[in-house]
Amino acid sequence: MAVAAVTTEPLNTPLKKKPLPAGRPREWYVSHNRRLKAMRLAIALLDTGVYQPSTADNARIRATADRLAIHPPSDITCRMVRALIRYGR
């Protein structure tokens, strides 16, 4: 049985970014980017074996963000990460 290696290092080939749709309120863009960041962090935490929201405290989430070279998330984003872990099981 083959086992895939899990890494939290940034990819060498970045994905092509598409421009966001114009004309939306600023809050929509802030919320959209926050959801994307929370999703990236939740996936990285799940890959490292964090399956319970109670084990994903703010310090652990921020340490994961540091390893992924992502700006430290806010308390709201940390809450979103825990919610994604909770409902992603």
Protein backbone atom coordinates (compact mmCIF):
# COMPACT_ATOMS: atom_id res chain seq x y z
CA MET A 1 0.00 0.00 0.00
CA ALA A 2 1.45 3.35 -1.03
CA VAL A 3 1.41 6.25 1.40
CA ALA A 4 1.35 9.82 0.15
CA ALA A 5 3.76 12.25 1.72
CA VAL A 6 2.08 15.29 3.23
CA THR A 7 3.85 18.61 3.20
CA THR A 8 2.86 22.07 4.33
CA GLU A 9 5.53 23.80 2.26
CA PRO A 10 4.33 26.31 -0.34
CA LEU A 11 4.06 24.95 -3.86
CA ASN A 12 6.78 25.95 -6.28
CA THR A 13 4.31 26.55 -9.08
CA PRO A 14 1.64 29.04 -8.02
CA LEU A 15 -1.85 28.68 -9.41
CA LYS A 16 -2.97 31.23 -11.95
CA LYS A 17 -5.09 33.84 -10.26
CA LYS A 18 -8.20 35.18 -11.91
CA PRO A 19 -9.31 38.72 -11.17
CA LEU A 20 -12.22 39.04 -8.79
CA PRO A 21 -15.46 40.39 -10.21
CA ALA A 22 -15.70 44.16 -10.15
CA GLY A 23 -18.49 46.20 -8.63
CA ARG A 24 -18.98 44.31 -5.37
CA PRO A 25 -18.97 46.03 -1.99
CA ARG A 26 -15.61 46.04 -0.19
CA GLU A 27 -16.96 43.75 2.55
CA TRP A 28 -17.60 41.04 -0.05
CA TYR A 29 -13.92 41.02 -1.05
CA VAL A 30 -12.77 40.97 2.58
CA SER A 31 -15.11 38.07 3.36
CA HIS A 32 -14.08 36.20 0.20
CA ASN A 33 -10.37 36.45 0.98
CA ARG A 34 -10.98 35.50 4.62
CA ARG A 35 -12.84 32.35 3.53
CA LEU A 36 -10.01 31.40 1.15
CA LYS A 37 -7.41 31.84 3.89
CA ALA A 38 -9.49 29.83 6.37
CA MET A 39 -9.88 27.04 3.83
CA ARG A 40 -6.12 26.88 3.13
CA LEU A 41 -5.35 26.78 6.85
CA ALA A 42 -8.01 24.14 7.59
CA ILE A 43 -6.65 21.89 4.84
CA ALA A 44 -3.09 22.30 6.12
CA LEU A 45 -4.18 21.49 9.69
CA LEU A 46 -6.12 18.42 8.56
CA ASP A 47 -3.07 17.27 6.59
CA THR A 48 -0.94 17.54 9.73
CA GLY A 49 -3.39 15.45 11.78
CA VAL A 50 -5.48 18.08 13.54
CA TYR A 51 -8.99 16.62 13.28
CA GLN A 52 -10.64 18.18 16.34
CA PRO A 53 -11.48 21.90 16.54
CA SER A 54 -10.56 21.84 20.22
CA THR A 55 -6.94 21.03 19.34
CA ALA A 56 -6.75 23.90 16.82
CA ASP A 57 -6.22 26.86 19.12
CA ASN A 58 -5.30 30.29 17.76
CA ALA A 59 -1.59 29.76 18.42
CA ARG A 60 -1.53 26.51 16.44
CA ILE A 61 -3.47 28.05 13.55
CA ARG A 62 -1.13 31.04 13.47
CA ALA A 63 1.92 28.76 13.58
CA THR A 64 0.52 26.87 10.61
CA ALA A 65 0.00 30.17 8.78
CA ASP A 66 3.62 31.06 9.50
CA ARG A 67 4.82 27.73 8.05
CA LEU A 68 2.71 28.35 4.93
CA ALA A 69 4.04 31.92 4.60
CA ILE A 70 0.55 33.37 5.09
CA HIS A 71 -0.06 36.53 7.12
CA PRO A 72 -1.22 35.67 10.66
CA PRO A 73 -5.00 35.21 10.68
CA SER A 74 -7.34 37.28 12.82
CA ASP A 75 -9.46 35.82 15.62
CA ILE A 76 -12.42 35.73 13.22
CA THR A 77 -10.45 33.73 10.66
CA CYS A 78 -9.26 31.33 13.38
CA ARG A 79 -12.90 30.78 14.33
CA MET A 80 -13.71 30.05 10.70
CA VAL A 81 -10.86 27.53 10.51
CA ARG A 82 -12.25 25.67 13.53
CA ALA A 83 -15.72 25.69 11.97
CA LEU A 84 -14.36 24.23 8.75
CA ILE A 85 -12.54 21.50 10.68
CA ARG A 86 -15.71 20.75 12.67
CA TYR A 87 -17.91 20.40 9.58
CA GLY A 88 -15.25 18.85 7.39
CA ARG A 89 -15.10 15.61 9.33
